[in-house]
Amino acid sequence: MAPKSRQMDEKMAAALSYKQGFYAPVVVAKGKGIMAEAIIACAKEAGVYVHESPELVTLLMQVNIDEHIPPELYRAVAELLVWLYKIEGRS
C-alpha cells in the first residue's frame, strides 16, 4: 500500500457567520492543518456546533475571508442551518 500524501490527510476548516439582515452567510475563518485545528478548537470552546462535510469545506475554502458565500452554495448552507436550528431546538 502506498503512503498517503500529506496533503490528502491535511485537515481543513471553514467558519461561517450569519446575521439577520445579511443576504448570505460570510466566511469568517478558514485554514488547513494547524489553523484548521485551531478554528475547530475555538468553535468547540465557544459552544459552536462543528459539522464535518469535506465537500462543503472544500468549496468554502475557495471563498475569501469576509466575503459572502456564492449563490451556488446557498442551498447546501441553508440545509445545514435548518438542520442545526432543529438540533438546537429553534424553530
N, C-alpha and C. Protein backbone atom coordinates (compact mmCIF):
# COMPACT_ATOMS: atom_id res chain seq x y z
N MET A 1 0.85 -1.18 0.00
CA MET A 1 0.00 0.00 0.00
C MET A 1 0.89 1.24 0.00
N ALA A 2 0.60 2.15 -0.88
CA ALA A 2 1.38 3.39 -0.98
C ALA A 2 1.00 4.33 0.16
N PRO A 3 1.97 5.05 0.71
CA PRO A 3 1.64 6.01 1.77
C PRO A 3 0.79 7.14 1.23
N LYS A 4 -0.12 7.62 2.05
CA LYS A 4 -0.96 8.75 1.65
C LYS A 4 -0.12 10.01 1.63
N SER A 5 -0.46 10.89 0.71
CA SER A 5 0.27 12.16 0.67
C SER A 5 -0.12 13.00 1.87
N ARG A 6 0.76 13.81 2.34
CA ARG A 6 0.50 14.68 3.48
C ARG A 6 -0.67 15.62 3.19
N GLN A 7 -0.79 16.07 1.94
CA GLN A 7 -1.86 16.99 1.57
C GLN A 7 -3.22 16.34 1.71
N MET A 8 -3.33 15.05 1.36
CA MET A 8 -4.61 14.36 1.44
C MET A 8 -5.10 14.25 2.88
N ASP A 9 -4.18 14.12 3.83
CA ASP A 9 -4.53 13.96 5.23
C ASP A 9 -4.74 15.28 5.95
N GLU A 10 -4.37 16.37 5.31
CA GLU A 10 -4.42 17.66 5.97
C GLU A 10 -5.87 18.08 6.23
N LYS A 11 -6.16 18.36 7.49
CA LYS A 11 -7.50 18.79 7.89
C LYS A 11 -7.76 20.20 7.40
N MET A 12 -9.00 20.46 7.00
CA MET A 12 -9.41 21.79 6.57
C MET A 12 -10.63 22.20 7.39
N ALA A 13 -10.77 23.51 7.60
CA ALA A 13 -11.94 24.02 8.32
C ALA A 13 -12.30 25.40 7.79
N ALA A 14 -13.59 25.67 7.82
CA ALA A 14 -14.09 26.99 7.44
C ALA A 14 -15.18 27.35 8.43
N ALA A 15 -15.22 28.61 8.83
CA ALA A 15 -16.23 29.09 9.77
C ALA A 15 -17.09 30.13 9.07
N LEU A 16 -18.40 30.01 9.30
CA LEU A 16 -19.36 30.94 8.71
C LEU A 16 -20.04 31.74 9.81
N SER A 17 -20.45 32.94 9.45
CA SER A 17 -21.25 33.78 10.33
C SER A 17 -22.46 34.24 9.53
N TYR A 18 -23.61 34.16 10.16
CA TYR A 18 -24.82 34.65 9.50
C TYR A 18 -25.58 35.51 10.50
N LYS A 19 -25.85 36.71 10.12
CA LYS A 19 -26.58 37.64 10.97
C LYS A 19 -27.82 38.11 10.24
N GLN A 20 -28.87 38.36 11.02
CA GLN A 20 -30.10 38.85 10.42
C GLN A 20 -29.80 40.13 9.64
N GLY A 21 -30.34 40.19 8.45
CA GLY A 21 -30.09 41.35 7.60
C GLY A 21 -29.05 41.08 6.53
N PHE A 22 -28.18 40.07 6.77
CA PHE A 22 -27.23 39.68 5.74
C PHE A 22 -27.99 38.94 4.66
N TYR A 23 -27.57 39.07 3.42
CA TYR A 23 -28.24 38.32 2.36
C TYR A 23 -27.69 36.91 2.25
N ALA A 24 -26.54 36.65 2.86
CA ALA A 24 -25.93 35.31 2.83
C ALA A 24 -24.90 35.22 3.95
N PRO A 25 -24.58 34.00 4.38
CA PRO A 25 -23.51 33.83 5.37
C PRO A 25 -22.17 34.33 4.83
N VAL A 26 -21.30 34.70 5.74
CA VAL A 26 -19.97 35.21 5.42
C VAL A 26 -18.93 34.22 5.95
N VAL A 27 -17.89 33.98 5.18
CA VAL A 27 -16.77 33.17 5.64
C VAL A 27 -15.92 34.05 6.56
N VAL A 28 -15.84 33.66 7.82
CA VAL A 28 -15.10 34.49 8.79
C VAL A 28 -13.75 33.89 9.17
N ALA A 29 -13.55 32.62 8.83
CA ALA A 29 -12.25 31.98 9.09
C ALA A 29 -12.14 30.76 8.21
N LYS A 30 -10.92 30.45 7.82
CA LYS A 30 -10.67 29.22 7.07
C LYS A 30 -9.19 28.89 7.19
N GLY A 31 -8.87 27.62 7.08
CA GLY A 31 -7.48 27.24 7.16
C GLY A 31 -7.29 25.75 7.02
N LYS A 32 -6.03 25.37 6.90
CA LYS A 32 -5.63 23.97 6.77
C LYS A 32 -4.67 23.62 7.89
N GLY A 33 -4.59 22.35 8.20
CA GLY A 33 -3.62 21.87 9.17
C GLY A 33 -3.81 22.45 10.55
N ILE A 34 -2.76 23.04 11.09
CA ILE A 34 -2.80 23.60 12.44
C ILE A 34 -3.85 24.71 12.54
N MET A 35 -4.00 25.51 11.50
CA MET A 35 -5.00 26.57 11.50
C MET A 35 -6.41 25.97 11.57
N ALA A 36 -6.65 24.92 10.83
CA ALA A 36 -7.96 24.25 10.85
C ALA A 36 -8.25 23.72 12.25
N GLU A 37 -7.25 23.11 12.85
CA GLU A 37 -7.44 22.57 14.20
C GLU A 37 -7.73 23.69 15.20
N ALA A 38 -7.09 24.84 15.03
CA ALA A 38 -7.35 25.98 15.91
C ALA A 38 -8.76 26.51 15.72
N ILE A 39 -9.24 26.58 14.48
CA ILE A 39 -10.60 27.04 14.20
C ILE A 39 -11.60 26.11 14.87
N ILE A 40 -11.40 24.81 14.72
CA ILE A 40 -12.31 23.83 15.31
C ILE A 40 -12.28 23.91 16.83
N ALA A 41 -11.09 24.05 17.41
CA ALA A 41 -10.97 24.15 18.87
C ALA A 41 -11.67 25.40 19.39
N CYS A 42 -11.50 26.52 18.71
CA CYS A 42 -12.16 27.76 19.13
C CYS A 42 -13.68 27.62 19.05
N ALA A 43 -14.16 26.99 18.00
CA ALA A 43 -15.61 26.80 17.84
C ALA A 43 -16.15 25.94 18.98
N LYS A 44 -15.50 24.83 19.25
CA LYS A 44 -15.96 23.94 20.32
C LYS A 44 -15.90 24.64 21.67
N GLU A 45 -14.84 25.38 21.90
CA GLU A 45 -14.69 26.12 23.15
C GLU A 45 -15.81 27.14 23.35
N ALA A 46 -16.27 27.72 22.24
CA ALA A 46 -17.34 28.72 22.29
C ALA A 46 -18.73 28.08 22.27
N GLY A 47 -18.78 26.75 22.20
CA GLY A 47 -20.06 26.07 22.18
C GLY A 47 -20.73 26.08 20.82
N VAL A 48 -19.95 26.33 19.78
CA VAL A 48 -20.47 26.36 18.41
C VAL A 48 -20.39 24.94 17.85
N TYR A 49 -21.49 24.49 17.25
CA TYR A 49 -21.52 23.15 16.68
C TYR A 49 -20.56 23.07 15.50
N VAL A 50 -19.81 21.98 15.44
CA VAL A 50 -18.86 21.75 14.34
C VAL A 50 -19.42 20.62 13.48
N HIS A 51 -19.71 20.92 12.24
CA HIS A 51 -20.24 19.95 11.28
C HIS A 51 -19.13 19.54 10.34
N GLU A 52 -19.00 18.25 10.11
CA GLU A 52 -17.96 17.77 9.21
C GLU A 52 -18.55 17.43 7.85
N SER A 53 -18.15 18.19 6.86
CA SER A 53 -18.56 17.95 5.48
C SER A 53 -17.39 18.32 4.58
N PRO A 54 -16.54 17.34 4.28
CA PRO A 54 -15.35 17.65 3.46
C PRO A 54 -15.67 18.33 2.14
N GLU A 55 -16.78 17.93 1.51
CA GLU A 55 -17.14 18.52 0.23
C GLU A 55 -17.46 20.01 0.38
N LEU A 56 -18.26 20.34 1.40
CA LEU A 56 -18.64 21.73 1.62
C LEU A 56 -17.43 22.57 2.04
N VAL A 57 -16.59 22.03 2.90
CA VAL A 57 -15.40 22.76 3.33
C VAL A 57 -14.49 23.05 2.14
N THR A 58 -14.34 22.08 1.26
CA THR A 58 -13.51 22.28 0.06
C THR A 58 -14.02 23.46 -0.75
N LEU A 59 -15.35 23.55 -0.90
CA LEU A 59 -15.93 24.68 -1.64
C LEU A 59 -15.78 25.99 -0.88
N LEU A 60 -15.97 25.96 0.44
CA LEU A 60 -15.84 27.18 1.24
C LEU A 60 -14.41 27.69 1.28
N MET A 61 -13.44 26.81 1.13
CA MET A 61 -12.04 27.22 1.13
C MET A 61 -11.73 28.13 -0.07
N GLN A 62 -12.58 28.10 -1.09
CA GLN A 62 -12.38 28.93 -2.28
C GLN A 62 -12.94 30.34 -2.11
N VAL A 63 -13.67 30.57 -1.02
CA VAL A 63 -14.27 31.88 -0.76
C VAL A 63 -13.31 32.69 0.11
N ASN A 64 -13.11 33.93 -0.22
CA ASN A 64 -12.22 34.79 0.57
C ASN A 64 -12.83 35.11 1.93
N ILE A 65 -11.97 35.35 2.89
CA ILE A 65 -12.41 35.76 4.23
C ILE A 65 -13.20 37.07 4.10
N ASP A 66 -14.24 37.20 4.89
CA ASP A 66 -15.13 38.37 4.93
C ASP A 66 -15.98 38.53 3.68
N GLU A 67 -16.07 37.48 2.86
CA GLU A 67 -16.94 37.52 1.69
C GLU A 67 -18.15 36.63 1.93
N HIS A 68 -19.29 37.02 1.35
CA HIS A 68 -20.49 36.20 1.40
C HIS A 68 -20.26 34.94 0.58
N ILE A 69 -20.90 33.86 1.00
CA ILE A 69 -20.81 32.64 0.20
C ILE A 69 -21.46 32.89 -1.16
N PRO A 70 -21.01 32.21 -2.19
CA PRO A 70 -21.60 32.41 -3.52
C PRO A 70 -22.98 31.75 -3.61
N PRO A 71 -23.81 32.23 -4.51
CA PRO A 71 -25.16 31.66 -4.67
C PRO A 71 -25.17 30.15 -4.88
N GLU A 72 -24.14 29.61 -5.48
CA GLU A 72 -24.07 28.16 -5.71
C GLU A 72 -24.08 27.36 -4.41
N LEU A 73 -23.69 28.00 -3.31
CA LEU A 73 -23.64 27.29 -2.02
C LEU A 73 -24.84 27.60 -1.12
N TYR A 74 -25.74 28.46 -1.56
CA TYR A 74 -26.89 28.85 -0.73
C TYR A 74 -27.67 27.62 -0.24
N ARG A 75 -28.03 26.75 -1.15
CA ARG A 75 -28.87 25.61 -0.78
C ARG A 75 -28.16 24.70 0.24
N ALA A 76 -26.92 24.35 -0.02
CA ALA A 76 -26.18 23.46 0.88
C ALA A 76 -26.05 24.08 2.27
N VAL A 77 -25.72 25.35 2.34
CA VAL A 77 -25.57 26.02 3.63
C VAL A 77 -26.93 26.20 4.30
N ALA A 78 -27.96 26.52 3.54
CA ALA A 78 -29.31 26.68 4.11
C ALA A 78 -29.78 25.36 4.73
N GLU A 79 -29.56 24.26 4.04
CA GLU A 79 -29.94 22.95 4.59
C GLU A 79 -29.18 22.66 5.87
N LEU A 80 -27.91 23.02 5.90
CA LEU A 80 -27.10 22.82 7.11
C LEU A 80 -27.63 23.68 8.25
N LEU A 81 -27.99 24.94 7.98
CA LEU A 81 -28.52 25.83 9.02
C LEU A 81 -29.87 25.35 9.55
N VAL A 82 -30.74 24.88 8.67
CA VAL A 82 -32.04 24.35 9.10
C VAL A 82 -31.82 23.15 10.02
N TRP A 83 -30.95 22.26 9.61
CA TRP A 83 -30.63 21.08 10.42
C TRP A 83 -30.07 21.49 11.78
N LEU A 84 -29.18 22.47 11.78
CA LEU A 84 -28.57 22.94 13.02
C LEU A 84 -29.61 23.58 13.94
N TYR A 85 -30.50 24.39 13.39
CA TYR A 85 -31.56 25.02 14.19
C TYR A 85 -32.44 23.95 14.83
N LYS A 86 -32.72 22.87 14.10
CA LYS A 86 -33.54 21.79 14.64
C LYS A 86 -32.83 21.11 15.80
N ILE A 87 -31.53 20.88 15.64
CA ILE A 87 -30.74 20.26 16.71
C ILE A 87 -30.76 21.14 17.97
N GLU A 88 -30.66 22.43 17.77
CA GLU A 88 -30.62 23.37 18.89
C GLU A 88 -32.02 23.69 19.44
N GLY A 89 -33.06 23.12 18.81
CA GLY A 89 -34.40 23.34 19.31
C GLY A 89 -35.03 24.66 18.89
N ARG A 90 -34.45 25.29 17.90
CA ARG A 90 -35.02 26.54 17.40
C ARG A 90 -36.06 26.22 16.35
N SER A 91 -36.95 27.16 16.12
CA SER A 91 -37.96 26.92 15.07
C SER A 91 -37.60 27.68 13.82
